[in-house]
Protein backbone atom coordinates (compact mmCIF):
# COMPACT_ATOMS: atom_id res chain seq x y z
CA MET A 1 84.60 113.05 89.85
CA VAL A 2 86.12 109.67 89.05
CA GLN A 3 84.48 106.37 88.18
CA SER A 4 86.03 102.98 88.82
CA MET A 5 85.41 99.73 87.00
CA ARG A 6 87.04 96.31 86.70
CA GLU A 7 88.42 95.49 83.25
CA THR A 8 89.19 91.87 82.32
CA GLU A 9 90.67 91.38 78.88
CA ARG A 10 93.19 89.49 76.80
CA LYS A 11 95.24 90.64 73.83
CA TYR A 12 96.29 88.61 70.78
CA GLU A 13 98.72 88.92 67.88
CA VAL A 14 96.99 88.98 64.50
CA PRO A 15 97.98 89.11 60.82
CA SER A 16 99.07 92.46 59.44
CA SER A 17 96.37 92.41 56.80
CA ALA A 18 93.38 94.66 57.38
CA ASP A 19 91.15 91.83 56.12
CA THR A 20 89.46 90.10 59.08
CA SER A 21 88.40 86.94 57.29
CA TRP A 22 90.76 85.05 59.58
CA LEU A 23 88.44 85.63 62.56
CA PRO A 24 86.72 82.43 63.77
CA GLU A 25 82.95 82.04 63.95
CA LEU A 26 82.44 83.08 67.56
CA ASP A 27 78.65 82.67 67.56
CA ARG A 28 79.37 78.97 68.12
CA VAL A 29 81.11 79.64 71.43
CA ASP A 30 79.16 78.32 74.41
CA GLY A 31 77.13 81.19 75.89
CA VAL A 32 77.24 83.29 72.71
CA SER A 33 74.23 83.31 70.37
CA VAL A 34 75.09 86.08 67.97
CA VAL A 35 78.00 88.35 67.06
CA VAL A 36 76.90 91.94 66.38
CA ASP A 37 79.09 94.27 64.32
CA ARG A 38 79.31 97.78 65.71
CA SER A 39 80.39 100.99 64.07
CA PRO A 40 84.16 101.43 63.65
CA GLU A 41 85.91 103.80 66.08
CA GLU A 42 88.89 106.11 65.76
CA LEU A 43 90.77 106.32 69.06
CA ASP A 44 93.55 108.76 69.87
CA ALA A 45 95.36 108.36 73.19
CA VAL A 46 98.32 110.16 74.70
CA TYR A 47 100.07 108.23 77.48
CA TYR A 48 101.73 110.02 80.39
CA ASP A 49 104.56 108.86 82.59
CA THR A 50 107.57 110.11 84.51
CA GLU A 51 110.99 110.62 82.92
CA ASP A 52 112.12 107.19 84.13
CA LEU A 53 108.74 105.52 83.36
CA ARG A 54 107.70 104.75 86.92
CA LEU A 55 104.09 104.11 86.00
CA SER A 56 104.73 101.62 83.25
CA GLY A 57 107.45 100.05 85.36
CA SER A 58 104.79 99.19 87.93
CA SER A 59 102.35 97.93 85.26
CA ALA A 60 100.15 101.03 85.57
CA VAL A 61 98.87 103.17 82.71
CA LEU A 62 97.71 106.80 82.55
CA ARG A 63 96.27 108.12 79.31
CA ARG A 64 94.12 110.88 77.86
CA ARG A 65 91.95 109.42 75.14
CA THR A 66 89.52 110.93 72.65
CA GLY A 67 87.13 108.97 70.46
CA GLY A 68 85.01 105.99 71.44
CA ALA A 69 82.36 105.70 74.11
CA ASP A 70 84.72 106.20 77.05
CA ALA A 71 86.71 109.27 76.04
CA GLY A 72 88.49 110.87 78.98
CA TRP A 73 91.37 110.28 81.36
CA HIS A 74 92.02 106.66 82.30
CA LEU A 75 94.26 105.38 85.08
CA LYS A 76 94.69 101.60 84.90
CA LEU A 77 96.04 99.73 87.91
CA PRO A 78 96.96 96.03 87.82
CA LEU A 79 94.85 93.40 89.56
CA GLN A 80 95.23 89.64 89.51
CA GLY A 81 95.29 87.61 86.32
CA ASP A 82 93.79 89.29 83.26
CA SER A 83 92.09 92.04 85.26
CA ARG A 84 92.87 95.69 85.89
CA GLU A 85 91.06 98.47 87.65
CA GLU A 86 90.25 101.32 85.31
CA ILE A 87 89.61 104.67 86.98
CA ARG A 88 88.05 107.22 84.66
CA SER A 89 87.81 110.99 84.83
CA PRO A 90 86.27 113.44 82.33
CA LEU A 91 88.38 115.10 79.64
CA THR A 92 90.45 118.07 80.79
CA ASP A 93 93.60 119.67 79.46
CA THR A 94 95.74 118.56 82.40
CA VAL A 95 95.95 115.42 84.48
CA PRO A 96 93.08 115.46 87.03
CA ASP A 97 94.21 115.91 90.63
CA ALA A 98 92.27 112.82 91.71
CA LEU A 99 94.28 110.63 89.33
CA LEU A 100 97.53 112.29 90.36
CA ASP A 101 96.79 111.32 93.96
CA LEU A 102 95.93 107.73 93.04
CA ALA A 103 99.15 107.42 91.04
CA MET A 104 101.29 109.08 93.72
CA SER A 105 102.76 105.92 95.26
CA ARG A 106 104.05 104.97 91.81
CA THR A 107 105.20 108.36 90.53
CA ARG A 108 106.55 109.41 93.94
CA GLY A 109 105.68 112.97 93.03
CA ALA A 110 107.76 113.12 89.84
CA GLU A 111 106.40 115.18 86.95
CA LEU A 112 104.17 113.42 84.43
CA THR A 113 104.71 114.23 80.75
CA PRO A 114 103.48 112.73 77.45
CA VAL A 115 105.63 109.76 76.38
CA VAL A 116 103.68 107.95 73.65
CA ARG A 117 100.76 108.71 71.36
CA ILE A 118 98.73 105.71 70.14
CA ARG A 119 96.10 106.01 67.43
CA SER A 120 93.89 103.02 66.69
CA THR A 121 91.31 102.23 64.06
CA ARG A 122 89.01 99.82 65.88
CA GLU A 123 86.48 97.35 64.55
CA VAL A 124 84.09 96.30 67.31
CA ARG A 125 82.06 93.11 67.62
CA HIS A 126 79.69 92.37 70.51
CA LEU A 127 79.31 88.79 71.65
CA VAL A 128 75.69 88.54 72.79
CA ASP A 129 73.84 85.69 74.55
CA ALA A 130 70.35 84.30 73.85
CA ASP A 131 68.76 86.94 76.09
CA GLY A 132 70.41 89.78 74.20
CA ALA A 133 72.89 90.53 77.00
CA LEU A 134 76.44 91.54 76.15
CA ARG A 135 78.89 88.85 77.31
CA ALA A 136 82.13 90.14 75.76
CA GLU A 137 83.49 92.68 73.30
CA LEU A 138 85.99 91.73 70.61
CA CYS A 139 87.97 94.55 69.04
CA VAL A 140 90.33 94.38 66.07
CA ASP A 141 92.76 97.30 66.28
CA SER A 142 95.08 98.69 63.65
CA VAL A 143 97.60 100.55 65.77
CA LEU A 144 100.02 103.39 65.06
CA ALA A 145 102.29 104.26 67.99
CA GLU A 146 104.56 107.29 68.04
CA SER A 147 107.14 108.14 70.67
CA LEU A 148 106.74 111.69 71.99
CA ARG A 149 110.32 111.76 73.15
CA ASP A 150 113.52 112.76 71.38
CA LYS A 151 113.55 110.84 68.06
CA GLY A 152 109.81 110.30 67.68
CA ARG A 153 110.10 106.73 66.41
CA ARG A 154 106.96 105.00 65.13
CA ALA A 155 105.62 101.45 65.19
CA THR A 156 102.56 99.79 63.69
CA TRP A 157 100.82 96.52 64.41
CA ASN A 158 97.43 94.84 64.49
CA GLU A 159 95.95 93.18 67.55
CA VAL A 160 92.75 91.72 68.94
CA GLU A 161 91.34 92.57 72.36
CA VAL A 162 88.67 90.43 73.97
CA GLU A 163 87.14 92.17 76.99
CA LEU A 164 84.73 90.42 79.31
CA ALA A 165 81.42 92.15 80.05
CA GLU A 166 80.51 92.95 83.63
CA ASP A 167 79.30 89.86 85.53
CA ALA A 168 80.11 87.57 82.58
CA ASP A 169 81.64 84.15 83.24
CA PRO A 170 85.47 84.31 82.92
CA ALA A 171 85.33 80.88 81.27
CA LEU A 172 84.06 82.69 78.17
CA LEU A 173 87.55 84.13 77.65
CA ASP A 174 88.98 80.60 77.59
CA ALA A 175 86.36 79.48 75.09
CA VAL A 176 87.05 82.42 72.78
CA GLU A 177 90.79 81.90 73.09
CA LYS A 178 90.42 78.26 72.08
CA LYS A 179 88.70 79.36 68.86
CA LEU A 180 91.38 81.98 68.18
CA ARG A 181 94.23 79.54 68.73
CA LYS A 182 92.74 77.14 66.18
CA LYS A 183 93.10 79.99 63.70
CA GLY A 184 96.74 80.44 64.67
CA ILE A 185 96.11 83.57 66.72
CA ALA A 186 98.37 83.58 69.81
CA ARG A 187 98.33 85.64 73.00
CA SER A 188 100.30 88.87 72.81
CA GLN A 189 103.64 88.95 74.59
CA SER A 190 102.97 92.56 75.65
CA PRO A 191 100.60 93.22 78.56
CA SER A 192 99.33 96.48 77.05
CA LYS A 193 99.51 98.71 74.01
CA LEU A 194 101.72 101.07 75.96
CA ALA A 195 104.22 98.36 76.86
CA ARG A 196 104.48 97.32 73.22
CA ALA A 197 104.74 100.93 72.03
CA LEU A 198 107.54 101.69 74.48
CA ASP A 199 109.38 98.57 73.41
CA GLU A 200 109.00 99.02 69.65
CA THR A 201 109.78 102.73 69.64
CA ALA A 202 112.79 102.16 71.93
CA ALA A 203 111.32 104.53 74.52
CA ALA A 204 111.66 102.05 77.37
CA PRO A 205 114.98 101.64 79.21
CA ALA A 206 116.71 98.29 79.06
CA PRO A 207 115.89 96.12 82.11
CA ALA A 208 118.59 95.90 84.75
CA SER A 209 120.45 92.60 84.89
CA ALA A 210 120.40 90.53 88.04
CA ASP A 211 123.82 89.79 89.54
CA LEU A 212 122.71 87.48 92.35
CA ASP A 213 122.47 83.72 92.14
CA PRO A 214 118.89 82.62 92.94
CA ASP A 215 120.18 80.30 95.69
CA GLN A 216 122.00 83.09 97.52
CA ALA A 217 120.61 84.78 100.60
CA GLY A 218 120.62 88.19 98.95
CA ALA A 219 118.32 87.02 96.18
CA HIS A 220 115.80 85.58 98.64
CA VAL A 221 115.76 88.59 100.93
CA LEU A 222 115.45 91.06 98.06
CA ALA A 223 112.62 89.02 96.52
CA TYR A 224 110.69 89.30 99.78
CA VAL A 225 111.45 93.01 100.13
CA ARG A 226 110.37 93.60 96.53
CA GLN A 227 107.11 91.75 97.16
CA GLN A 228 106.29 93.86 100.21
CA VAL A 229 107.25 97.15 98.56
CA SER A 230 104.98 96.24 95.63
CA SER A 231 102.14 95.53 98.06
CA LEU A 232 102.64 98.85 99.85
CA VAL A 233 102.67 100.79 96.56
CA ALA A 234 99.67 98.93 95.15
CA LEU A 235 97.58 99.44 98.31
CA ASP A 236 98.09 103.21 98.42
CA PRO A 237 95.22 104.04 96.00
CA ALA A 238 92.86 101.74 97.93
CA VAL A 239 93.79 103.40 101.23
CA ARG A 240 93.16 106.84 99.77
CA ARG A 241 89.68 105.72 98.71
CA ASN A 242 88.99 104.01 102.04
CA ARG A 243 88.54 100.56 100.53
CA PRO A 244 87.74 97.76 103.04
CA ASP A 245 90.78 96.22 104.78
CA SER A 246 93.21 98.36 102.75
CA VAL A 247 94.64 100.24 105.74
CA HIS A 248 95.21 96.98 107.58
CA ARG A 249 96.98 95.36 104.63
CA MET A 250 99.18 98.40 104.00
CA ARG A 251 100.13 98.51 107.67
CA VAL A 252 101.03 94.80 107.56
CA ALA A 253 103.22 95.41 104.50
CA CYS A 254 105.07 98.10 106.50
CA ARG A 255 105.54 95.69 109.39
CA ARG A 256 106.75 92.88 107.16
CA LEU A 257 109.27 95.17 105.50
CA ARG A 258 110.50 96.58 108.78
CA SER A 259 110.82 93.13 110.32
CA CYS A 260 112.66 91.73 107.29
CA LEU A 261 115.17 94.57 107.28
CA GLN A 262 115.84 93.94 110.95
CA SER A 263 116.00 90.14 110.83
CA TYR A 264 118.30 90.06 107.80
CA ARG A 265 120.79 92.76 108.78
CA SER A 266 123.52 90.27 107.95
CA VAL A 267 122.38 90.49 104.32
CA LEU A 268 121.47 94.18 103.92
CA ASP A 269 123.63 96.89 105.49
CA ARG A 270 121.89 98.41 108.48
CA ASP A 271 123.61 101.75 107.88
CA VAL A 272 121.11 102.05 105.03
CA THR A 273 118.18 100.01 106.29
CA ASP A 274 117.93 101.38 109.85
CA GLY A 275 116.74 104.75 108.58
CA ILE A 276 114.18 103.05 106.35
CA ARG A 277 112.99 100.97 109.28
CA ARG A 278 112.41 104.10 111.35
CA GLU A 279 110.30 105.62 108.58
CA LEU A 280 108.33 102.40 108.14
CA LYS A 281 107.59 102.47 111.88
CA TRP A 282 106.34 106.06 111.51
CA LEU A 283 104.07 105.16 108.59
CA ALA A 284 102.70 102.06 110.31
CA GLY A 285 101.97 104.21 113.35
CA GLU A 286 100.03 106.75 111.30
CA LEU A 287 98.02 104.00 109.63
CA GLY A 288 97.59 102.24 112.95
CA ALA A 289 95.30 104.87 114.42
CA GLU A 290 92.68 104.24 111.75
CA ARG A 291 93.11 100.48 111.76
CA ASP A 292 92.95 100.19 115.55
CA GLN A 293 89.77 102.27 115.59
CA GLU A 294 88.20 99.99 112.95
CA VAL A 295 89.01 96.87 114.96
CA LEU A 296 87.90 98.35 118.26
CA MET A 297 84.59 99.66 116.89
CA GLU A 298 83.79 96.32 115.28
CA HIS A 299 84.60 94.47 118.50
CA LEU A 300 82.62 96.76 120.81
CA GLY A 301 79.68 96.83 118.42
CA LYS A 302 79.50 93.03 118.41
CA SER A 303 79.82 92.90 122.19
CA ILE A 304 76.91 95.29 122.67
CA GLY A 305 74.84 93.50 120.06
CA ALA A 306 75.33 90.18 121.86
CA LEU A 307 73.91 91.49 125.17
CA PRO A 308 70.32 90.71 126.15
CA GLU A 309 68.11 93.77 125.72
CA GLU A 310 67.42 94.05 129.43
CA LEU A 311 71.14 94.49 130.16
CA VAL A 312 71.56 97.47 127.82
CA LEU A 313 70.73 100.45 130.00
CA GLY A 314 70.84 103.95 128.59
CA PRO A 315 71.78 105.21 125.09
CA VAL A 316 74.70 102.79 124.81
CA ALA A 317 74.65 102.25 121.03
CA ALA A 318 74.19 105.96 120.35
CA ARG A 319 77.09 106.92 122.61
CA LEU A 320 79.29 104.34 120.89
CA ARG A 321 78.39 105.74 117.46
CA VAL A 322 79.22 109.30 118.50
CA TRP A 323 82.49 108.16 120.04
CA ASN A 324 83.39 106.31 116.85
CA VAL A 325 82.59 109.26 114.57
CA VAL A 326 84.90 111.52 116.57
CA HIS A 327 87.78 109.05 116.69
CA SER A 328 87.42 107.61 113.19
CA THR A 329 87.26 111.06 111.61
CA GLU A 330 90.45 112.05 113.39
CA SER A 331 92.25 108.81 112.51
CA ARG A 332 91.12 108.99 108.87
CA ARG A 333 92.51 112.49 108.58
CA ARG A 334 95.75 111.29 110.11
CA THR A 335 96.08 108.57 107.47
CA LEU A 336 95.45 110.91 104.55
CA ASP A 337 97.73 113.57 105.99
CA ALA A 338 100.56 111.02 106.23
CA LEU A 339 100.12 109.95 102.59
CA GLY A 340 100.26 113.58 101.54
CA THR A 341 103.59 114.37 103.18
CA GLY A 342 107.03 114.70 101.65
CA ARG A 343 108.18 112.30 104.35
CA TYR A 344 106.04 109.54 102.84
CA LEU A 345 107.34 110.21 99.32
CA ALA A 346 110.90 110.20 100.66
CA LEU A 347 110.25 106.78 102.19
CA LEU A 348 108.98 105.47 98.83
CA ASP A 349 112.10 106.90 97.16
CA SER A 350 114.29 105.14 99.74
CA LEU A 351 112.54 101.83 99.14
CA ALA A 352 112.91 102.18 95.37
CA LEU A 353 116.61 102.97 95.74
CA LEU A 354 117.04 100.01 98.10
CA LEU A 355 115.81 97.70 95.35
CA GLU A 356 117.71 99.43 92.56
CA ARG A 357 121.02 99.53 94.42
CA PRO A 358 120.73 97.09 97.33
CA PRO A 359 123.35 97.59 100.08
CA LEU A 360 124.46 93.95 100.10
CA ARG A 361 126.82 92.62 102.73
CA THR A 362 129.17 89.66 102.39
CA LYS A 363 126.58 87.14 103.59
CA ALA A 364 124.26 88.12 100.76
CA GLY A 365 126.41 85.89 98.57
CA LYS A 366 126.21 82.90 100.92
CA ALA A 367 123.78 79.99 100.69
CA ALA A 368 120.26 81.18 101.51
CA ASP A 369 119.31 78.22 103.71
CA GLN A 370 122.32 78.69 106.00
CA VAL A 371 122.07 82.47 106.38
CA MET A 372 118.29 82.62 106.72
CA ALA A 373 118.04 79.71 109.13
CA LYS A 374 120.47 81.49 111.45
CA ALA A 375 118.47 84.70 111.27
CA VAL A 376 115.22 82.91 112.05
CA ARG A 377 116.83 81.13 115.00
CA LYS A 378 117.93 84.48 116.44
CA GLU A 379 114.42 85.88 116.24
CA TYR A 380 113.04 82.67 117.73
CA ALA A 381 115.48 82.94 120.66
CA ARG A 382 114.31 86.52 121.35
CA LEU A 383 110.71 85.36 121.35
CA THR A 384 111.56 82.55 123.77
CA GLY A 385 113.10 85.06 126.17
CA ARG A 386 110.09 87.37 125.95
CA MET A 387 107.64 84.55 126.53
CA THR A 388 109.59 83.16 129.49
CA ASP A 389 109.68 86.57 131.15
CA ALA A 390 105.99 87.26 130.52
CA LEU A 391 104.74 83.91 131.78
CA GLU A 392 106.68 84.29 135.03
CA LEU A 393 104.85 87.51 135.90
CA SER A 394 101.66 87.65 137.92
CA PRO A 395 98.50 88.83 136.12
CA GLY A 396 98.25 92.61 135.99
CA PRO A 397 99.42 95.65 134.03
CA ALA A 398 103.10 94.59 133.99
CA ARG A 399 102.19 91.21 132.53
CA ASP A 400 99.88 92.85 129.98
CA VAL A 401 102.81 94.94 128.73
CA ALA A 402 105.13 91.92 128.68
CA LEU A 403 102.63 89.85 126.70
CA HIS A 404 102.23 92.69 124.21
CA GLU A 405 106.00 92.82 123.73
CA ALA A 406 106.02 89.04 123.23
CA ARG A 407 103.34 89.47 120.58
CA LYS A 408 105.59 91.86 118.68
CA GLU A 409 108.42 89.33 118.81
CA ALA A 410 106.07 86.60 117.56
CA LYS A 411 105.30 88.73 114.51
CA LYS A 412 109.01 89.14 113.81
CA VAL A 413 109.53 85.38 113.95
CA ARG A 414 106.57 84.83 111.62
CA TYR A 415 107.79 87.34 109.07
CA ALA A 416 111.39 86.08 109.22
CA ALA A 417 110.14 82.53 108.65
CA GLU A 418 107.84 83.75 105.89
CA ALA A 419 110.75 85.34 104.02
CA ALA A 420 112.86 82.20 104.57
CA ARG A 421 110.19 79.72 103.51
CA PRO A 422 111.33 79.43 99.85
CA ALA A 423 114.81 78.51 101.13
CA LEU A 424 113.93 76.44 104.21
CA GLY A 425 110.71 74.79 103.13
CA LYS A 426 108.57 72.85 105.62
CA PRO A 427 110.47 73.74 108.82
CA ALA A 428 109.86 77.45 108.18
CA LYS A 429 106.24 76.78 107.29
CA ARG A 430 105.65 74.77 110.47
CA LEU A 431 107.33 77.35 112.66
CA GLY A 432 105.31 80.15 111.08
CA LYS A 433 102.07 78.27 111.61
CA ARG A 434 102.71 77.53 115.29
CA VAL A 435 103.98 81.01 116.08
CA LYS A 436 100.92 82.44 114.36
CA ALA A 437 98.77 80.53 116.85
CA VAL A 438 100.76 82.13 119.69
CA GLN A 439 100.36 85.53 118.09
CA LYS A 440 96.60 84.98 117.77
CA VAL A 441 96.19 84.31 121.50
CA LEU A 442 98.42 87.26 122.38
CA GLY A 443 96.53 89.46 119.91
CA ASP A 444 93.17 88.60 121.45
CA HIS A 445 94.63 89.39 124.87
CA GLN A 446 95.92 92.77 123.72
CA ASP A 447 92.61 93.58 122.03
CA SER A 448 90.98 93.04 125.42
CA VAL A 449 93.48 95.39 127.09
CA VAL A 450 92.74 98.11 124.53
CA ALA A 451 88.98 97.52 124.71
CA ARG A 452 89.01 97.90 128.51
CA GLY A 453 90.72 101.26 128.18
CA ALA A 454 88.09 102.46 125.71
CA LEU A 455 85.24 101.09 127.82
CA ARG A 456 86.52 102.94 130.86
CA ASP A 457 86.58 106.21 128.88
CA LEU A 458 83.05 105.57 127.60
CA ALA A 459 81.84 104.81 131.10
CA VAL A 460 83.31 108.04 132.45
CA ALA A 461 81.70 110.03 129.63
CA ALA A 462 78.35 108.34 130.25
CA GLN A 463 78.51 109.04 133.97
CA THR A 464 79.43 112.67 133.36
CA ALA A 465 76.35 112.98 131.12
CA GLY A 466 74.12 111.46 133.81
CA GLU A 467 73.66 108.17 131.96
CA ALA A 468 73.67 104.69 133.47
CA GLY A 469 77.13 103.11 133.61
CA PHE A 470 75.93 99.56 134.22
CA THR A 471 76.33 98.27 130.65
CA TRP A 472 79.82 99.73 130.26
CA GLY A 473 80.88 98.07 133.51
CA LEU A 474 79.37 94.77 132.38
CA LEU A 475 81.31 94.94 129.11
CA TYR A 476 84.49 95.80 131.01
CA GLY A 477 84.07 92.70 133.15
CA THR A 478 83.45 90.58 130.08
CA GLU A 479 86.68 91.83 128.54
CA GLN A 480 88.59 91.08 131.73
CA ALA A 481 87.24 87.52 131.69
CA ARG A 482 88.22 87.22 128.04
CA ALA A 483 91.79 88.26 128.85
CA ASP A 484 91.95 85.76 131.71
CA THR A 485 90.83 82.99 129.36
CA ARG A 486 93.50 83.88 126.81
CA GLU A 487 96.17 83.84 129.53
CA ARG A 488 95.12 80.30 130.48
CA GLU A 489 95.21 79.23 126.84
CA LEU A 490 98.66 80.66 126.20
CA PRO A 491 101.02 78.12 127.90
CA PRO A 492 99.94 75.03 125.89
CA VAL A 493 99.89 77.02 122.64
CA TRP A 494 103.40 78.31 123.35
CA GLU A 495 104.52 74.81 124.31
CA ARG A 496 103.66 73.60 120.81
CA ALA A 497 105.60 76.47 119.23
CA ALA A 498 108.59 75.78 121.51
CA ALA A 499 108.60 72.01 120.91
CA PRO A 500 112.08 70.52 120.18
CA GLU A 501 111.04 69.28 116.72
CA VAL A 502 110.19 72.85 115.74
CA ARG A 503 113.29 74.41 117.23
CA ASP A 504 115.77 71.78 116.04
CA SER A 505 114.42 71.68 112.47
CA LEU A 506 115.81 75.18 111.89
CA HIS A 507 119.41 74.10 112.24
CA ARG A 508 121.36 73.94 108.99
């Protein structure tokens, strides 16, 4: 059984003296009425990581800690700003399976072993408001870190942690920091005790040096790839716990990566990237079943809810719920099965290797604006061809397929422009915005195509069970009308995306 909480804290460098007379009077901070001294704590934590420190390299922490009020296993995952998610599990002798799973995208299945032991003598002060509610906790730690690897080097230091209480105003951290700075107490350069311990005991490998000029195409493409790989890895724990929108976001990261590797084949060797693209397509497909079911259920549920009561004949809502349980259970299992395969871990290994030893081609060393503008123009030309072909077809199944293919091309243009935006600036931003509008219309159209297929299946099942099929037929007709509307909207939206000022601005 694990418990998750949000932790928002800041760390500060402090004098080496154990005397804490240098601490400011924090009861004068706005929102704090009294500072309450708590009993000292003795904390003993052993930190686990892979041989090549994959967890700490991704700003994650896994430790087994005794002492204090929260003794147990802690997995800390980075969030935005000063926040992290802390996932706790009770004390056991070995790493809990639940935490192993949540760390899997970072460890990639490699063995976890003890790397550092950190013992802290902690003085605790509670910052309490006028109502007696805890607003923040200030801890003064005297730290002894010991490497558990070959030479067992040690390091000592003192630090202050200020952790925000749940639901407290984040502005309190700024107010406390202002008081600390007036006393000459600066923010720590290390994001965590573990990071500092690894650095000061020489347990961390030296960072790799960058060989690419920041203005070169290779640097821009790799920066985008790195961003998407980080998103994919970071979203894995949320997908495993079925957090809202996590499957969708992870699937989008797969698509962005796959599209980037295709669009910028002049920068990264396709002999390496084509295999990765195939595996990204597989993963996106496995995630897609669950995501598509989420979208479809939400859409159909709203459609039924919008109907007047007199037009809902038979157990329509109940049949929809049963249908969703069957399909969502199957798609959820498919997602989790995919994340538990060696194939998925091999994909993560391939992505890590791609970033560590990128297969750069000659154009990677060329100017980013020239190389990336050409790549975006190529994708844009493919989209133009797809749109021209689709709009020339008469309404019907063939046109539905053609519009769906055009939608896929629109996504490729968007993602290519997105990656190129730091190099191309406003032209890439404008193109991305207008193509997104095209993609939105095409997406609504495709959603209607998929919804009609599901509605037909539901109608057949209802008829077989002797239920009225009127409502399902009504919804089917509504979806058909929706698709017709989107097809009428498409030409002017595409005309804006295909305007000369958009097309010509990409030339470099």
